[in-house]
């Protein structure tokens, strides 16, 4: 009886293995289709994310389609992009949600349809995804604040203006939290103004001009997104006594850093983020667990910008 049962068990295991091998997808002949949905169509940060995704495509034999609204603040437009990916039955979605709450329902819907969802750069308030890849934005905010303190004398008052882009995206929320936590440890440091530009360069310029003209005590500006940084930089140009720390990796920002128009530039490895997000989606589709690791970043100054490791970050697509 035992021998008969053992023989039956062996036959069952072999049958299951043969069945699973027959069911395994041939990625060469039938590649996975992955929708990569960023916050907006343009922007050098999102360009690097897409370049990283394209690089992963060539190494994983996937088919990618890039979708995004024109503006980061077009939440309904981004929801429509996810709906399109669901309707067209993509195997996976790589999504950078521009709103931590508004995108939750459509992400839930995608996952209920069996679509793997990888969140890149930003996350959601309560809804989980199948995987998430981001930088430590709270740590970025803290490092920006600590570096700002180093620009002032110990007995000098610091009156800062913080200009974010989207108020309901997790990168902005976390950077703001990091800045506030560190500023609360310094009696001489105050965040006098904190507002959002919605990634509109001209709006950022107008807000910055109005603030520094109405309050001449402001001596520090943080700009937490590249378009926001461009506008703030134009408003500060020629103004004495205002330190400036920005986020991004645009050629304009790099030139500002080199020409003393910026005290420091925070650069996130967006190329790596895009690459790893697509790779994570493929891993999930193949039943593998993706590597859990935050995306690297650096706070770059004019003094350090020519270091080899920072050059790789500043000019990601060229490496």
C-alpha atoms as a PDB file:
ATOM      1  CA  UNK A   1       0.000   0.000   0.000  1.00  0.00           C
ATOM      2  CA  UNK A   2       2.826   2.401   0.930  1.00  0.00           C
ATOM      3  CA  UNK A   3       4.660   1.579  -2.298  1.00  0.00           C
ATOM      4  CA  UNK A   4       1.491   2.253  -4.346  1.00  0.00           C
ATOM      5  CA  UNK A   5       0.942   5.590  -2.573  1.00  0.00           C
ATOM      6  CA  UNK A   6       4.572   6.639  -3.138  1.00  0.00           C
ATOM      7  CA  UNK A   7       4.333   5.768  -6.831  1.00  0.00           C
ATOM      8  CA  UNK A   8       1.104   7.786  -7.097  1.00  0.00           C
ATOM      9  CA  UNK A   9       2.723  10.765  -5.349  1.00  0.00           C
ATOM     10  CA  UNK A  10       5.713  10.703  -7.710  1.00  0.00           C
ATOM     11  CA  UNK A  11       3.427  10.581 -10.757  1.00  0.00           C
ATOM     12  CA  UNK A  12       1.414  13.508  -9.363  1.00  0.00           C
ATOM     13  CA  UNK A  13       4.521  15.663  -8.770  1.00  0.00           C
ATOM     14  CA  UNK A  14       5.868  14.907 -12.272  1.00  0.00           C
ATOM     15  CA  UNK A  15       2.489  15.748 -13.797  1.00  0.00           C
ATOM     16  CA  UNK A  16       2.367  19.085 -11.962  1.00  0.00           C
ATOM     17  CA  UNK A  17       5.891  19.951 -13.081  1.00  0.00           C
ATOM     18  CA  UNK A  18       5.073  19.082 -16.691  1.00  0.00           C
ATOM     19  CA  UNK A  19       1.897  21.129 -16.526  1.00  0.00           C
ATOM     20  CA  UNK A  20       3.637  24.194 -15.059  1.00  0.00           C
ATOM     21  CA  UNK A  21       6.373  23.998 -17.687  1.00  0.00           C
ATOM     22  CA  UNK A  22       3.748  23.905 -20.417  1.00  0.00           C
ATOM     23  CA  UNK A  23       1.995  26.915 -18.882  1.00  0.00           C
ATOM     24  CA  UNK A  24       5.171  29.020 -18.577  1.00  0.00           C
ATOM     25  CA  UNK A  25       5.051  32.021 -20.844  1.00  0.00           C
ATOM     26  CA  UNK A  26       7.523  32.263 -23.682  1.00  0.00           C
ATOM     27  CA  UNK A  27       8.687  35.856 -23.262  1.00  0.00           C
ATOM     28  CA  UNK A  28      10.436  35.922 -26.639  1.00  0.00           C
ATOM     29  CA  UNK A  29       7.325  35.034 -28.639  1.00  0.00           C
ATOM     30  CA  UNK A  30       4.758  36.490 -26.241  1.00  0.00           C
ATOM     31  CA  UNK A  31       6.419  39.365 -24.346  1.00  0.00           C
ATOM     32  CA  UNK A  32       4.911  40.996 -21.284  1.00  0.00           C
ATOM     33  CA  UNK A  33       3.170  44.317 -21.903  1.00  0.00           C
ATOM     34  CA  UNK A  34       3.899  46.945 -19.273  1.00  0.00           C
ATOM     35  CA  UNK A  35       2.362  50.427 -19.073  1.00  0.00           C
ATOM     36  CA  UNK A  36       4.724  53.016 -17.570  1.00  0.00           C
ATOM     37  CA  UNK A  37       2.631  55.904 -16.245  1.00  0.00           C
ATOM     38  CA  UNK A  38       4.575  58.917 -14.986  1.00  0.00           C
ATOM     39  CA  UNK A  39       3.187  62.115 -13.449  1.00  0.00           C
ATOM     40  CA  UNK A  40       3.691  64.152 -16.615  1.00  0.00           C
ATOM     41  CA  UNK A  41       4.902  63.773 -20.188  1.00  0.00           C
ATOM     42  CA  UNK A  42       7.824  66.206 -20.028  1.00  0.00           C
ATOM     43  CA  UNK A  43      10.472  67.047 -17.462  1.00  0.00           C
ATOM     44  CA  UNK A  44      14.035  65.821 -17.252  1.00  0.00           C
ATOM     45  CA  UNK A  45      13.376  63.803 -14.085  1.00  0.00           C
ATOM     46  CA  UNK A  46      10.608  61.826 -15.786  1.00  0.00           C
ATOM     47  CA  UNK A  47      12.743  61.612 -18.906  1.00  0.00           C
ATOM     48  CA  UNK A  48      15.405  59.812 -16.888  1.00  0.00           C
ATOM     49  CA  UNK A  49      12.808  57.477 -15.367  1.00  0.00           C
ATOM     50  CA  UNK A  50      11.630  56.566 -18.880  1.00  0.00           C
ATOM     51  CA  UNK A  51      15.204  56.133 -20.124  1.00  0.00           C
ATOM     52  CA  UNK A  52      15.851  53.671 -17.305  1.00  0.00           C
ATOM     53  CA  UNK A  53      12.640  51.829 -18.178  1.00  0.00           C
ATOM     54  CA  UNK A  54      13.706  51.612 -21.847  1.00  0.00           C
ATOM     55  CA  UNK A  55      17.044  50.180 -20.793  1.00  0.00           C
ATOM     56  CA  UNK A  56      15.256  47.498 -18.770  1.00  0.00           C
ATOM     57  CA  UNK A  57      13.019  46.756 -21.756  1.00  0.00           C
ATOM     58  CA  UNK A  58      15.979  45.758 -23.921  1.00  0.00           C
ATOM     59  CA  UNK A  59      17.178  43.349 -21.227  1.00  0.00           C
ATOM     60  CA  UNK A  60      13.828  41.767 -20.387  1.00  0.00           C
ATOM     61  CA  UNK A  61      12.131  41.462 -23.794  1.00  0.00           C
ATOM     62  CA  UNK A  62       9.125  43.429 -22.609  1.00  0.00           C
ATOM     63  CA  UNK A  63       6.854  45.752 -24.558  1.00  0.00           C
ATOM     64  CA  UNK A  64       6.471  49.153 -22.901  1.00  0.00           C
ATOM     65  CA  UNK A  65       3.925  51.870 -23.488  1.00  0.00           C
ATOM     66  CA  UNK A  66       4.497  55.273 -21.876  1.00  0.00           C
ATOM     67  CA  UNK A  67       1.415  57.151 -20.717  1.00  0.00           C
ATOM     68  CA  UNK A  68       1.076  60.428 -18.802  1.00  0.00           C
ATOM     69  CA  UNK A  69      -0.971  63.615 -18.649  1.00  0.00           C
ATOM     70  CA  UNK A  70       0.593  66.855 -19.875  1.00  0.00           C
ATOM     71  CA  UNK A  71       0.648  68.394 -16.382  1.00  0.00           C
ATOM     72  CA  UNK A  72       1.564  66.779 -13.060  1.00  0.00           C
ATOM     73  CA  UNK A  73      -1.505  68.300 -11.401  1.00  0.00           C
ATOM     74  CA  UNK A  74      -3.893  66.633 -13.887  1.00  0.00           C
ATOM     75  CA  UNK A  75      -4.947  63.860 -11.519  1.00  0.00           C
ATOM     76  CA  UNK A  76      -7.966  62.859 -13.619  1.00  0.00           C
ATOM     77  CA  UNK A  77      -5.699  62.589 -16.652  1.00  0.00           C
ATOM     78  CA  UNK A  78      -3.426  60.175 -14.811  1.00  0.00           C
ATOM     79  CA  UNK A  79      -6.402  58.128 -13.640  1.00  0.00           C
ATOM     80  CA  UNK A  80      -7.531  57.919 -17.286  1.00  0.00           C
ATOM     81  CA  UNK A  81      -4.085  56.562 -18.210  1.00  0.00           C
ATOM     82  CA  UNK A  82      -4.446  53.766 -15.647  1.00  0.00           C
ATOM     83  CA  UNK A  83      -7.980  53.036 -16.877  1.00  0.00           C
ATOM     84  CA  UNK A  84      -6.597  52.736 -20.422  1.00  0.00           C
ATOM     85  CA  UNK A  85      -3.987  50.225 -19.246  1.00  0.00           C
ATOM     86  CA  UNK A  86      -6.720  48.196 -17.528  1.00  0.00           C
ATOM     87  CA  UNK A  87      -8.996  48.231 -20.569  1.00  0.00           C
ATOM     88  CA  UNK A  88      -6.170  47.159 -22.862  1.00  0.00           C
ATOM     89  CA  UNK A  89      -5.267  44.340 -20.448  1.00  0.00           C
ATOM     90  CA  UNK A  90      -1.629  45.135 -19.834  1.00  0.00           C
ATOM     91  CA  UNK A  91       0.213  42.559 -17.761  1.00  0.00           C
ATOM     92  CA  UNK A  92       1.669  45.145 -15.399  1.00  0.00           C
ATOM     93  CA  UNK A  93       1.597  48.858 -14.629  1.00  0.00           C
ATOM     94  CA  UNK A  94       4.499  50.954 -13.378  1.00  0.00           C
ATOM     95  CA  UNK A  95       2.860  54.013 -11.842  1.00  0.00           C
ATOM     96  CA  UNK A  96       4.121  57.229 -10.222  1.00  0.00           C
ATOM     97  CA  UNK A  97       0.924  58.473  -8.547  1.00  0.00           C
ATOM     98  CA  UNK A  98       0.679  62.267  -8.473  1.00  0.00           C
ATOM     99  CA  UNK A  99      -1.925  62.142  -5.701  1.00  0.00           C
ATOM    100  CA  UNK A 100      -1.684  59.821  -2.717  1.00  0.00           C
ATOM    101  CA  UNK A 101      -5.467  59.415  -2.389  1.00  0.00           C
ATOM    102  CA  UNK A 102      -7.074  60.095  -5.781  1.00  0.00           C
ATOM    103  CA  UNK A 103      -5.242  57.213  -7.480  1.00  0.00           C
ATOM    104  CA  UNK A 104      -6.124  54.611  -4.843  1.00  0.00           C
ATOM    105  CA  UNK A 105      -9.404  53.400  -6.334  1.00  0.00           C
ATOM    106  CA  UNK A 106      -8.040  52.874  -9.832  1.00  0.00           C
ATOM    107  CA  UNK A 107      -4.974  51.044  -8.485  1.00  0.00           C
ATOM    108  CA  UNK A 108      -7.298  48.788  -6.500  1.00  0.00           C
ATOM    109  CA  UNK A 109      -9.263  48.132  -9.681  1.00  0.00           C
ATOM    110  CA  UNK A 110      -6.109  47.264 -11.655  1.00  0.00           C
ATOM    111  CA  UNK A 111      -4.956  44.769  -9.045  1.00  0.00           C
ATOM    112  CA  UNK A 112      -8.424  43.179  -8.885  1.00  0.00           C
ATOM    113  CA  UNK A 113      -8.048  42.471 -12.627  1.00  0.00           C
ATOM    114  CA  UNK A 114      -4.834  40.548 -11.990  1.00  0.00           C
ATOM    115  CA  UNK A 115      -2.528  43.340 -13.186  1.00  0.00           C
ATOM    116  CA  UNK A 116       0.731  43.659 -11.272  1.00  0.00           C
ATOM    117  CA  UNK A 117       1.218  47.244 -10.046  1.00  0.00           C
ATOM    118  CA  UNK A 118       4.616  48.690  -9.177  1.00  0.00           C
ATOM    119  CA  UNK A 119       4.688  52.172  -7.666  1.00  0.00           C
ATOM    120  CA  UNK A 120       7.710  54.223  -8.701  1.00  0.00           C
ATOM    121  CA  UNK A 121       8.901  57.339  -6.865  1.00  0.00           C
ATOM    122  CA  UNK A 122       5.663  57.997  -4.961  1.00  0.00           C
ATOM    123  CA  UNK A 123       3.203  55.892  -2.981  1.00  0.00           C
ATOM    124  CA  UNK A 124      -0.444  55.904  -1.893  1.00  0.00           C
ATOM    125  CA  UNK A 125      -1.993  56.824   1.448  1.00  0.00           C
ATOM    126  CA  UNK A 126      -3.660  53.504   2.298  1.00  0.00           C
ATOM    127  CA  UNK A 127      -3.840  51.301  -0.807  1.00  0.00           C
ATOM    128  CA  UNK A 128      -0.933  48.926  -1.237  1.00  0.00           C
ATOM    129  CA  UNK A 129       0.641  47.877  -4.507  1.00  0.00           C
ATOM    130  CA  UNK A 130       2.456  44.691  -5.467  1.00  0.00           C
ATOM    131  CA  UNK A 131       5.799  46.475  -5.067  1.00  0.00           C
ATOM    132  CA  UNK A 132       7.196  49.953  -4.530  1.00  0.00           C
ATOM    133  CA  UNK A 133      10.486  51.598  -5.505  1.00  0.00           C
ATOM    134  CA  UNK A 134      11.345  55.060  -4.231  1.00  0.00           C
ATOM    135  CA  UNK A 135      14.006  57.214  -2.644  1.00  0.00           C
ATOM    136  CA  UNK A 136      13.993  58.139   1.047  1.00  0.00           C
ATOM    137  CA  UNK A 137      12.429  61.564   0.580  1.00  0.00           C
ATOM    138  CA  UNK A 138      12.171  62.320   4.284  1.00  0.00           C
ATOM    139  CA  UNK A 139      15.918  61.766   4.571  1.00  0.00           C
ATOM    140  CA  UNK A 140      16.402  64.047   1.551  1.00  0.00           C
ATOM    141  CA  UNK A 141      14.463  66.803   3.338  1.00  0.00           C
ATOM    142  CA  UNK A 142      16.599  66.371   6.437  1.00  0.00           C
ATOM    143  CA  UNK A 143      19.859  66.508   4.506  1.00  0.00           C
ATOM    144  CA  UNK A 144      18.719  69.649   2.708  1.00  0.00           C
ATOM    145  CA  UNK A 145      17.986  71.290   6.058  1.00  0.00           C
ATOM    146  CA  UNK A 146      21.270  70.279   7.675  1.00  0.00           C
ATOM    147  CA  UNK A 147      23.208  71.533   4.662  1.00  0.00           C
ATOM    148  CA  UNK A 148      21.299  74.823   4.832  1.00  0.00           C
ATOM    149  CA  UNK A 149      22.373  75.279   8.452  1.00  0.00           C
ATOM    150  CA  UNK A 150      26.014  74.937   7.394  1.00  0.00           C
ATOM    151  CA  UNK A 151      25.641  78.005   5.143  1.00  0.00           C
ATOM    152  CA  UNK A 152      24.928  80.349   8.057  1.00  0.00           C
ATOM    153  CA  UNK A 153      26.875  81.529  11.100  1.00  0.00           C
ATOM    154  CA  UNK A 154      25.824  79.979  14.427  1.00  0.00           C
ATOM    155  CA  UNK A 155      24.194  83.153  15.743  1.00  0.00           C
ATOM    156  CA  UNK A 156      22.551  84.062  12.410  1.00  0.00           C
ATOM    157  CA  UNK A 157      18.799  83.779  11.993  1.00  0.00           C
ATOM    158  CA  UNK A 158      17.561  81.536   9.177  1.00  0.00           C
ATOM    159  CA  UNK A 159      14.219  82.451   7.619  1.00  0.00           C
ATOM    160  CA  UNK A 160      13.283  79.936   4.966  1.00  0.00           C
ATOM    161  CA  UNK A 161      10.758  79.700   2.184  1.00  0.00           C
ATOM    162  CA  UNK A 162       9.878  76.171   1.032  1.00  0.00           C
ATOM    163  CA  UNK A 163       8.401  75.787  -2.423  1.00  0.00           C
ATOM    164  CA  UNK A 164       7.063  72.331  -3.282  1.00  0.00           C
ATOM    165  CA  UNK A 165       5.250  71.172  -6.399  1.00  0.00           C
ATOM    166  CA  UNK A 166       2.277  68.899  -5.622  1.00  0.00           C
ATOM    167  CA  UNK A 167       0.793  69.061  -2.113  1.00  0.00           C
ATOM    168  CA  UNK A 168      -0.678  65.556  -2.164  1.00  0.00           C
ATOM    169  CA  UNK A 169       2.235  63.550  -3.570  1.00  0.00           C
ATOM    170  CA  UNK A 170       4.230  61.527  -1.062  1.00  0.00           C
ATOM    171  CA  UNK A 171       7.687  62.795  -2.160  1.00  0.00           C
ATOM    172  CA  UNK A 172       6.629  66.386  -1.425  1.00  0.00           C
ATOM    173  CA  UNK A 173       4.936  65.442   1.839  1.00  0.00           C
ATOM    174  CA  UNK A 174       7.952  63.476   3.045  1.00  0.00           C
ATOM    175  CA  UNK A 175      10.503  66.118   2.039  1.00  0.00           C
ATOM    176  CA  UNK A 176       8.453  68.755   3.842  1.00  0.00           C
ATOM    177  CA  UNK A 177       8.312  66.557   6.953  1.00  0.00           C
ATOM    178  CA  UNK A 178      12.077  66.069   6.907  1.00  0.00           C
ATOM    179  CA  UNK A 179      12.707  69.810   6.585  1.00  0.00           C
ATOM    180  CA  UNK A 180      10.281  70.653   9.398  1.00  0.00           C
ATOM    181  CA  UNK A 181      11.738  68.046  11.766  1.00  0.00           C
ATOM    182  CA  UNK A 182      15.257  69.412  11.411  1.00  0.00           C
ATOM    183  CA  UNK A 183      14.191  73.062  11.549  1.00  0.00           C
ATOM    184  CA  UNK A 184      12.393  72.335  14.822  1.00  0.00           C
ATOM    185  CA  UNK A 185      15.752  71.435  16.384  1.00  0.00           C
ATOM    186  CA  UNK A 186      17.267  74.864  15.692  1.00  0.00           C
ATOM    187  CA  UNK A 187      16.045  77.908  17.634  1.00  0.00           C
ATOM    188  CA  UNK A 188      17.558  80.225  15.048  1.00  0.00           C
ATOM    189  CA  UNK A 189      15.813  78.562  12.109  1.00  0.00           C
ATOM    190  CA  UNK A 190      12.251  79.207  10.954  1.00  0.00           C
ATOM    191  CA  UNK A 191      10.229  78.086   7.958  1.00  0.00           C
ATOM    192  CA  UNK A 192       8.286  81.286   7.337  1.00  0.00           C
ATOM    193  CA  UNK A 193       6.511  80.179   4.165  1.00  0.00           C
ATOM    194  CA  UNK A 194       5.638  76.776   2.731  1.00  0.00           C
ATOM    195  CA  UNK A 195       3.603  76.587  -0.446  1.00  0.00           C
ATOM    196  CA  UNK A 196       3.217  74.721  -3.745  1.00  0.00           C
ATOM    197  CA  UNK A 197       3.699  75.674  -7.401  1.00  0.00           C
ATOM    198  CA  UNK A 198       1.982  72.631  -9.001  1.00  0.00           C
ATOM    199  CA  UNK A 199       5.111  72.216 -11.163  1.00  0.00           C
ATOM    200  CA  UNK A 200       4.356  75.517 -12.924  1.00  0.00           C
ATOM    201  CA  UNK A 201       7.580  77.434 -13.569  1.00  0.00           C
ATOM    202  CA  UNK A 202       5.945  80.849 -14.006  1.00  0.00           C
ATOM    203  CA  UNK A 203       3.809  80.327 -10.910  1.00  0.00           C
ATOM    204  CA  UNK A 204       6.909  79.406  -8.904  1.00  0.00           C
ATOM    205  CA  UNK A 205       8.634  82.565 -10.098  1.00  0.00           C
ATOM    206  CA  UNK A 206       5.660  84.769  -9.166  1.00  0.00           C
ATOM    207  CA  UNK A 207       5.306  83.198  -5.711  1.00  0.00           C
ATOM    208  CA  UNK A 208       9.016  83.595  -4.970  1.00  0.00           C
ATOM    209  CA  UNK A 209       9.177  87.190  -6.223  1.00  0.00           C
ATOM    210  CA  UNK A 210       6.139  88.168  -4.158  1.00  0.00           C
ATOM    211  CA  UNK A 211       7.443  86.491  -1.007  1.00  0.00           C
ATOM    212  CA  UNK A 212      10.970  87.917  -1.024  1.00  0.00           C
ATOM    213  CA  UNK A 213       9.698  91.405  -1.901  1.00  0.00           C
ATOM    214  CA  UNK A 214       7.125  91.423   0.919  1.00  0.00           C
ATOM    215  CA  UNK A 215       9.419  89.844   3.502  1.00  0.00           C
ATOM    216  CA  UNK A 216      13.030  90.935   3.172  1.00  0.00           C
ATOM    217  CA  UNK A 217      14.046  88.718   6.107  1.00  0.00           C
ATOM    218  CA  UNK A 218      13.778  85.596   3.902  1.00  0.00           C
ATOM    219  CA  UNK A 219      17.369  84.464   3.345  1.00  0.00           C
ATOM    220  CA  UNK A 220      16.893  80.849   2.254  1.00  0.00           C
ATOM    221  CA  UNK A 221      14.784  79.209  -0.456  1.00  0.00           C
ATOM    222  CA  UNK A 222      14.169  75.493  -0.915  1.00  0.00           C
ATOM    223  CA  UNK A 223      12.694  74.386  -4.276  1.00  0.00           C
ATOM    224  CA  UNK A 224      11.622  70.744  -4.199  1.00  0.00           C
ATOM    225  CA  UNK A 225      11.028  70.034  -7.917  1.00  0.00           C
ATOM    226  CA  UNK A 226      12.832  70.952 -11.134  1.00  0.00           C
ATOM    227  CA  UNK A 227      10.220  73.238 -12.760  1.00  0.00           C
ATOM    228  CA  UNK A 228       9.648  74.879  -9.397  1.00  0.00           C
ATOM    229  CA  UNK A 229      13.408  75.340  -9.066  1.00  0.00           C
ATOM    230  CA  UNK A 230      13.644  77.013 -12.481  1.00  0.00           C
ATOM    231  CA  UNK A 231      11.010  79.576 -11.535  1.00  0.00           C
ATOM    232  CA  UNK A 232      12.499  80.246  -8.106  1.00  0.00           C
ATOM    233  CA  UNK A 233      15.976  80.629  -9.622  1.00  0.00           C
ATOM    234  CA  UNK A 234      14.732  83.301 -12.037  1.00  0.00           C
ATOM    235  CA  UNK A 235      13.091  85.188  -9.150  1.00  0.00           C
ATOM    236  CA  UNK A 236      16.225  85.059  -6.973  1.00  0.00           C
ATOM    237  CA  UNK A 237      18.662  85.976  -9.730  1.00  0.00           C
ATOM    238  CA  UNK A 238      20.669  89.049  -8.754  1.00  0.00           C
ATOM    239  CA  UNK A 239      19.331  89.096  -5.182  1.00  0.00           C
ATOM    240  CA  UNK A 240      22.013  89.314  -2.518  1.00  0.00           C
ATOM    241  CA  UNK A 241      21.940  87.366   0.727  1.00  0.00           C
ATOM    242  CA  UNK A 242      19.540  84.584  -0.304  1.00  0.00           C
ATOM    243  CA  UNK A 243      20.803  81.007  -0.210  1.00  0.00           C
ATOM    244  CA  UNK A 244      19.180  78.530  -2.577  1.00  0.00           C
ATOM    245  CA  UNK A 245      18.902  74.732  -2.411  1.00  0.00           C
ATOM    246  CA  UNK A 246      17.006  72.857  -5.110  1.00  0.00           C
ATOM    247  CA  UNK A 247      15.926  69.398  -6.237  1.00  0.00           C
ATOM    248  CA  UNK A 248      16.442  68.103  -9.773  1.00  0.00           C
ATOM    249  CA  UNK A 249      18.935  67.189 -12.444  1.00  0.00           C
ATOM    250  CA  UNK A 250      18.252  69.598 -15.288  1.00  0.00           C
ATOM    251  CA  UNK A 251      21.023  71.168 -17.321  1.00  0.00           C
ATOM    252  CA  UNK A 252      19.849  74.586 -16.149  1.00  0.00           C
ATOM    253  CA  UNK A 253      20.199  73.583 -12.501  1.00  0.00           C
ATOM    254  CA  UNK A 254      23.643  72.086 -13.119  1.00  0.00           C
ATOM    255  CA  UNK A 255      24.742  75.353 -14.741  1.00  0.00           C
ATOM    256  CA  UNK A 256      23.351  77.304 -11.783  1.00  0.00           C
ATOM    257  CA  UNK A 257      25.344  75.104  -9.420  1.00  0.00           C
ATOM    258  CA  UNK A 258      28.539  75.598 -11.389  1.00  0.00           C
ATOM    259  CA  UNK A 259      28.008  79.382 -11.619  1.00  0.00           C
ATOM    260  CA  UNK A 260      27.161  79.878  -7.915  1.00  0.00           C
ATOM    261  CA  UNK A 261      23.443  80.358  -8.569  1.00  0.00           C
ATOM    262  CA  UNK A 262      22.737  77.354  -6.338  1.00  0.00           C
ATOM    263  CA  UNK A 263      24.248  76.378  -3.001  1.00  0.00           C
ATOM    264  CA  UNK A 264      23.316  72.709  -3.397  1.00  0.00           C
ATOM    265  CA  UNK A 265      21.384  70.427  -5.706  1.00  0.00           C
ATOM    266  CA  UNK A 266      19.676  67.209  -4.604  1.00  0.00           C
ATOM    267  CA  UNK A 267      19.832  64.555  -7.318  1.00  0.00           C
ATOM    268  CA  UNK A 268      17.876  61.282  -7.228  1.00  0.00           C
ATOM    269  CA  UNK A 269      18.950  58.403  -9.462  1.00  0.00           C
ATOM    270  CA  UNK A 270      15.815  58.529 -11.613  1.00  0.00           C
ATOM    271  CA  UNK A 271      17.362  56.341 -14.324  1.00  0.00           C
ATOM    272  CA  UNK A 272      17.888  53.550 -11.799  1.00  0.00           C
ATOM    273  CA  UNK A 273      14.348  54.044 -10.516  1.00  0.00           C
ATOM    274  CA  UNK A 274      12.879  53.500 -13.987  1.00  0.00           C
ATOM    275  CA  UNK A 275      15.100  50.509 -14.688  1.00  0.00           C
ATOM    276  CA  UNK A 276      14.358  48.777 -11.399  1.00  0.00           C
ATOM    277  CA  UNK A 277      10.611  49.453 -11.629  1.00  0.00           C
ATOM    278  CA  UNK A 278      10.290  47.619 -14.942  1.00  0.00           C
ATOM    279  CA  UNK A 279      12.577  44.838 -13.702  1.00  0.00           C
ATOM    280  CA  UNK A 280      10.430  44.514 -10.566  1.00  0.00           C
ATOM    281  CA  UNK A 281       7.286  44.199 -12.699  1.00  0.00           C
ATOM    282  CA  UNK A 282       8.906  41.413 -14.752  1.00  0.00           C
ATOM    283  CA  UNK A 283      10.064  39.645 -11.590  1.00  0.00           C
ATOM    284  CA  UNK A 284       6.535  39.730 -10.177  1.00  0.00           C
ATOM    285  CA  UNK A 285       5.073  38.410 -13.420  1.00  0.00           C
ATOM    286  CA  UNK A 286       7.560  35.541 -13.319  1.00  0.00           C
ATOM    287  CA  UNK A 287       6.807  34.728  -9.686  1.00  0.00           C
ATOM    288  CA  UNK A 288      10.074  36.154  -8.356  1.00  0.00           C
ATOM    289  CA  UNK A 289      10.498  38.552  -5.447  1.00  0.00           C
ATOM    290  CA  UNK A 290      12.055  41.883  -6.554  1.00  0.00           C
ATOM    291  CA  UNK A 291      15.036  43.353  -4.710  1.00  0.00           C
ATOM    292  CA  UNK A 292      13.963  45.689  -1.911  1.00  0.00           C
ATOM    293  CA  UNK A 293      16.269  48.710  -1.836  1.00  0.00           C
ATOM    294  CA  UNK A 294      15.736  52.461  -1.807  1.00  0.00           C
ATOM    295  CA  UNK A 295      16.923  54.493  -4.784  1.00  0.00           C
ATOM    296  CA  UNK A 296      20.158  56.364  -4.122  1.00  0.00           C
ATOM    297  CA  UNK A 297      20.467  60.146  -4.077  1.00  0.00           C
ATOM    298  CA  UNK A 298      23.118  62.774  -3.388  1.00  0.00           C
ATOM    299  CA  UNK A 299      23.270  66.359  -2.228  1.00  0.00           C
ATOM    300  CA  UNK A 300      25.745  67.922  -4.639  1.00  0.00           C
ATOM    301  CA  UNK A 301      27.636  71.202  -4.195  1.00  0.00           C
ATOM    302  CA  UNK A 302      29.936  73.089  -6.536  1.00  0.00           C
ATOM    303  CA  UNK A 303      32.854  71.639  -4.581  1.00  0.00           C
ATOM    304  CA  UNK A 304      31.709  68.030  -5.052  1.00  0.00           C
ATOM    305  CA  UNK A 305      29.971  68.160  -8.440  1.00  0.00           C
ATOM    306  CA  UNK A 306      33.035  66.968 -10.350  1.00  0.00           C
ATOM    307  CA  UNK A 307      33.495  63.844  -8.209  1.00  0.00           C
ATOM    308  CA  UNK A 308      33.045  60.751 -10.364  1.00  0.00           C
ATOM    309  CA  UNK A 309      30.070  59.348  -8.432  1.00  0.00           C
ATOM    310  CA  UNK A 310      28.226  62.659  -8.620  1.00  0.00           C
ATOM    311  CA  UNK A 311      28.997  63.069 -12.308  1.00  0.00           C
ATOM    312  CA  UNK A 312      27.234  59.752 -12.903  1.00  0.00           C
ATOM    313  CA  UNK A 313      24.146  61.081 -11.140  1.00  0.00           C
ATOM    314  CA  UNK A 314      24.217  64.513 -12.771  1.00  0.00           C
ATOM    315  CA  UNK A 315      24.524  63.043 -16.258  1.00  0.00           C
ATOM    316  CA  UNK A 316      22.631  59.763 -15.806  1.00  0.00           C
ATOM    317  CA  UNK A 317      21.734  59.018 -19.423  1.00  0.00           C
ATOM    318  CA  UNK A 318      25.313  59.465 -20.576  1.00  0.00           C
ATOM    319  CA  UNK A 319      26.657  56.723 -18.288  1.00  0.00           C
END
